[in-house]
N, C-alpha and C. Protein backbone atom coordinates (compact mmCIF):
# COMPACT_ATOMS: atom_id res chain seq x y z
N MET A 1 -1.88 -12.95 14.96
CA MET A 1 -1.74 -11.67 14.30
C MET A 1 -0.41 -11.06 14.72
N MET A 2 0.36 -10.57 13.74
CA MET A 2 1.66 -10.00 14.04
C MET A 2 1.50 -8.62 14.67
N GLN A 3 2.34 -8.34 15.65
CA GLN A 3 2.31 -7.04 16.29
C GLN A 3 3.37 -6.16 15.64
N ILE A 4 3.00 -4.93 15.34
CA ILE A 4 3.92 -3.98 14.73
C ILE A 4 4.16 -2.84 15.70
N TRP A 5 5.39 -2.43 15.82
CA TRP A 5 5.75 -1.31 16.67
C TRP A 5 5.86 -0.09 15.79
N HIS A 6 5.18 0.99 16.16
CA HIS A 6 5.21 2.23 15.39
C HIS A 6 6.06 3.26 16.11
N MET A 7 6.91 3.92 15.35
CA MET A 7 7.73 4.99 15.91
C MET A 7 7.19 6.30 15.37
N THR A 8 6.61 7.11 16.22
CA THR A 8 6.07 8.40 15.82
C THR A 8 6.54 9.44 16.81
N ASN A 9 7.19 10.44 16.30
CA ASN A 9 7.71 11.52 17.16
C ASN A 9 8.53 10.99 18.32
N GLY A 10 9.34 9.97 18.06
CA GLY A 10 10.23 9.43 19.08
C GLY A 10 9.58 8.45 20.03
N ALA A 11 8.26 8.27 19.95
CA ALA A 11 7.57 7.33 20.84
C ALA A 11 7.32 6.02 20.10
N ILE A 12 7.46 4.93 20.79
CA ILE A 12 7.21 3.62 20.19
C ILE A 12 5.92 3.08 20.78
N THR A 13 4.99 2.74 19.91
CA THR A 13 3.73 2.14 20.36
C THR A 13 3.53 0.83 19.62
N ASN A 14 2.70 -0.01 20.14
CA ASN A 14 2.49 -1.33 19.59
C ASN A 14 1.04 -1.46 19.13
N THR A 15 0.83 -1.81 17.89
CA THR A 15 -0.51 -2.08 17.38
C THR A 15 -0.48 -3.37 16.58
N ASN A 16 -1.61 -3.99 16.40
CA ASN A 16 -1.69 -5.21 15.62
C ASN A 16 -1.89 -4.86 14.15
N MET A 17 -0.96 -5.31 13.33
CA MET A 17 -1.04 -5.07 11.89
C MET A 17 -0.62 -6.36 11.18
N ILE A 18 -1.14 -6.58 10.00
CA ILE A 18 -0.74 -7.72 9.18
C ILE A 18 -0.22 -7.18 7.86
N ASN A 19 0.96 -7.66 7.45
CA ASN A 19 1.53 -7.32 6.15
C ASN A 19 1.61 -5.81 5.91
N ARG A 20 2.20 -5.10 6.81
CA ARG A 20 2.36 -3.65 6.67
C ARG A 20 3.41 -3.39 5.59
N THR A 21 3.06 -2.57 4.62
CA THR A 21 3.98 -2.22 3.54
C THR A 21 4.53 -0.82 3.77
N PHE A 22 5.58 -0.48 3.02
CA PHE A 22 6.16 0.86 3.10
C PHE A 22 5.12 1.90 2.67
N GLU A 23 4.32 1.56 1.68
CA GLU A 23 3.26 2.47 1.23
C GLU A 23 2.25 2.73 2.35
N ASP A 24 1.83 1.66 3.04
CA ASP A 24 0.92 1.82 4.19
C ASP A 24 1.55 2.71 5.26
N PHE A 25 2.84 2.46 5.51
CA PHE A 25 3.56 3.24 6.51
C PHE A 25 3.57 4.72 6.13
N LEU A 26 3.86 5.03 4.86
CA LEU A 26 3.89 6.43 4.43
C LEU A 26 2.52 7.08 4.54
N GLN A 27 1.47 6.35 4.20
CA GLN A 27 0.12 6.91 4.33
C GLN A 27 -0.20 7.19 5.79
N ASP A 28 0.20 6.28 6.68
CA ASP A 28 -0.02 6.51 8.11
C ASP A 28 0.78 7.72 8.60
N MET A 29 2.02 7.85 8.12
CA MET A 29 2.84 9.00 8.51
C MET A 29 2.18 10.29 8.05
N CYS A 30 1.66 10.31 6.84
CA CYS A 30 0.98 11.49 6.31
C CYS A 30 -0.20 11.84 7.21
N PHE A 31 -0.98 10.84 7.60
CA PHE A 31 -2.14 11.09 8.45
C PHE A 31 -1.70 11.56 9.84
N ASN A 32 -0.62 10.96 10.38
CA ASN A 32 -0.15 11.36 11.71
C ASN A 32 0.40 12.79 11.71
N ILE A 33 1.03 13.19 10.63
CA ILE A 33 1.59 14.53 10.53
C ILE A 33 0.50 15.57 10.28
N ASN A 34 -0.56 15.17 9.60
CA ASN A 34 -1.64 16.08 9.22
C ASN A 34 -2.99 15.56 9.71
N PRO A 35 -3.21 15.44 11.02
CA PRO A 35 -4.45 14.85 11.52
C PRO A 35 -5.73 15.58 11.16
N PRO A 36 -5.72 16.90 10.90
CA PRO A 36 -7.01 17.54 10.61
C PRO A 36 -7.58 17.19 9.23
N VAL A 37 -6.82 16.51 8.38
CA VAL A 37 -7.32 16.17 7.04
C VAL A 37 -8.44 15.14 7.19
N LEU A 38 -9.56 15.38 6.55
CA LEU A 38 -10.70 14.47 6.62
C LEU A 38 -10.40 13.18 5.88
N ALA A 39 -10.98 12.08 6.35
CA ALA A 39 -10.74 10.76 5.74
C ALA A 39 -11.09 10.76 4.26
N ASP A 40 -12.16 11.49 3.86
CA ASP A 40 -12.56 11.53 2.45
C ASP A 40 -11.51 12.21 1.58
N ASN A 41 -10.77 13.15 2.15
CA ASN A 41 -9.76 13.89 1.39
C ASN A 41 -8.37 13.27 1.48
N MET A 42 -8.20 12.27 2.34
CA MET A 42 -6.88 11.72 2.58
C MET A 42 -6.21 11.12 1.34
N PRO A 43 -6.90 10.35 0.48
CA PRO A 43 -6.18 9.79 -0.68
C PRO A 43 -5.54 10.87 -1.55
N ASP A 44 -6.27 11.92 -1.87
CA ASP A 44 -5.69 12.99 -2.69
C ASP A 44 -4.60 13.72 -1.93
N TYR A 45 -4.84 13.97 -0.64
CA TYR A 45 -3.86 14.69 0.16
C TYR A 45 -2.57 13.88 0.28
N SER A 46 -2.70 12.58 0.54
CA SER A 46 -1.49 11.76 0.70
C SER A 46 -0.74 11.64 -0.62
N ASP A 47 -1.45 11.57 -1.75
CA ASP A 47 -0.77 11.56 -3.05
C ASP A 47 0.03 12.84 -3.26
N ASN A 48 -0.55 13.98 -2.92
CA ASN A 48 0.16 15.25 -3.04
C ASN A 48 1.34 15.31 -2.09
N TRP A 49 1.13 14.83 -0.86
CA TRP A 49 2.19 14.83 0.14
C TRP A 49 3.37 13.98 -0.32
N LEU A 50 3.06 12.79 -0.85
CA LEU A 50 4.11 11.91 -1.36
C LEU A 50 4.88 12.55 -2.51
N GLY A 51 4.15 13.28 -3.36
CA GLY A 51 4.79 13.93 -4.50
C GLY A 51 5.73 15.04 -4.09
N GLU A 52 5.52 15.60 -2.90
CA GLU A 52 6.36 16.70 -2.43
C GLU A 52 7.58 16.21 -1.64
N LEU A 53 7.64 14.92 -1.31
CA LEU A 53 8.79 14.39 -0.57
C LEU A 53 10.01 14.36 -1.48
N ASP A 54 11.18 14.66 -0.91
CA ASP A 54 12.41 14.54 -1.69
C ASP A 54 13.14 13.27 -1.26
N GLY A 55 14.28 13.01 -1.86
CA GLY A 55 15.03 11.79 -1.59
C GLY A 55 15.41 11.63 -0.13
N GLU A 56 15.82 12.73 0.51
CA GLU A 56 16.19 12.66 1.92
C GLU A 56 15.01 12.28 2.80
N ASP A 57 13.81 12.78 2.44
CA ASP A 57 12.61 12.41 3.20
C ASP A 57 12.34 10.92 3.08
N TYR A 58 12.45 10.38 1.86
CA TYR A 58 12.21 8.96 1.66
C TYR A 58 13.21 8.12 2.45
N ILE A 59 14.47 8.55 2.48
CA ILE A 59 15.49 7.83 3.24
C ILE A 59 15.16 7.87 4.73
N LYS A 60 14.76 9.04 5.23
CA LYS A 60 14.39 9.17 6.64
C LYS A 60 13.23 8.25 6.99
N TYR A 61 12.17 8.26 6.17
CA TYR A 61 11.01 7.42 6.44
C TYR A 61 11.33 5.93 6.25
N ALA A 62 12.18 5.61 5.28
CA ALA A 62 12.56 4.21 5.08
C ALA A 62 13.34 3.70 6.29
N ASP A 63 14.18 4.55 6.88
CA ASP A 63 14.92 4.16 8.08
C ASP A 63 13.97 3.88 9.24
N ILE A 64 13.00 4.73 9.44
CA ILE A 64 12.00 4.51 10.51
C ILE A 64 11.21 3.24 10.24
N PHE A 65 10.81 3.02 8.98
CA PHE A 65 10.06 1.83 8.61
C PHE A 65 10.90 0.57 8.86
N ALA A 66 12.19 0.62 8.52
CA ALA A 66 13.06 -0.53 8.73
C ALA A 66 13.17 -0.85 10.22
N ARG A 67 13.28 0.18 11.04
CA ARG A 67 13.34 -0.04 12.49
C ARG A 67 12.04 -0.66 13.00
N GLU A 68 10.93 -0.16 12.47
CA GLU A 68 9.62 -0.71 12.85
C GLU A 68 9.54 -2.18 12.50
N GLN A 69 9.98 -2.53 11.29
CA GLN A 69 9.92 -3.91 10.84
C GLN A 69 10.86 -4.79 11.65
N PHE A 70 12.03 -4.27 12.02
CA PHE A 70 12.96 -5.02 12.86
C PHE A 70 12.31 -5.33 14.20
N LEU A 71 11.71 -4.33 14.82
CA LEU A 71 11.05 -4.53 16.11
C LEU A 71 9.90 -5.53 15.99
N ALA A 72 9.16 -5.46 14.88
CA ALA A 72 8.07 -6.41 14.67
C ALA A 72 8.61 -7.83 14.54
N GLY A 73 9.72 -7.98 13.84
CA GLY A 73 10.35 -9.31 13.71
C GLY A 73 10.84 -9.83 15.05
N MET A 74 11.44 -8.95 15.84
CA MET A 74 11.90 -9.35 17.17
C MET A 74 10.71 -9.76 18.04
N ASP A 75 9.63 -9.01 17.96
CA ASP A 75 8.43 -9.33 18.72
C ASP A 75 7.88 -10.69 18.30
N ARG A 76 7.90 -10.95 17.01
CA ARG A 76 7.42 -12.24 16.51
C ARG A 76 8.29 -13.38 17.05
N CYS A 77 9.60 -13.20 17.04
CA CYS A 77 10.51 -14.22 17.56
C CYS A 77 10.28 -14.47 19.04
N ILE A 78 10.14 -13.40 19.81
CA ILE A 78 9.90 -13.53 21.25
C ILE A 78 8.60 -14.26 21.51
N ASN A 79 7.55 -13.92 20.75
CA ASN A 79 6.27 -14.60 20.94
C ASN A 79 6.34 -16.07 20.58
N LYS A 80 7.13 -16.42 19.58
CA LYS A 80 7.29 -17.83 19.21
C LYS A 80 8.04 -18.61 20.29
N LEU A 81 9.00 -17.93 20.93
CA LEU A 81 9.74 -18.59 22.01
C LEU A 81 8.83 -18.85 23.21
N LYS A 82 7.84 -18.02 23.41
CA LYS A 82 6.92 -18.18 24.53
C LYS A 82 5.97 -19.35 24.33
N GLU A 83 5.78 -19.75 23.07
CA GLU A 83 4.81 -20.83 22.77
C GLU A 83 5.29 -22.17 23.25
């Protein structure tokens, strides 16, 4: 299972994820920014949140996502070298 590094509020944490997409990342960011939203309301809330993002927000989140993916790739390479 591939390990993904998440950058949230400047902290990097490691969780196991498979095939993380930019859409998944944005939904997770929405949930991390707005934790009191109930799971049942999250799909509608995240759709509204995404609709309110402007181009600069998408660029900012895409940059964070790219860094996350780079770290995940590096982690994968390091783990393969250990084998």
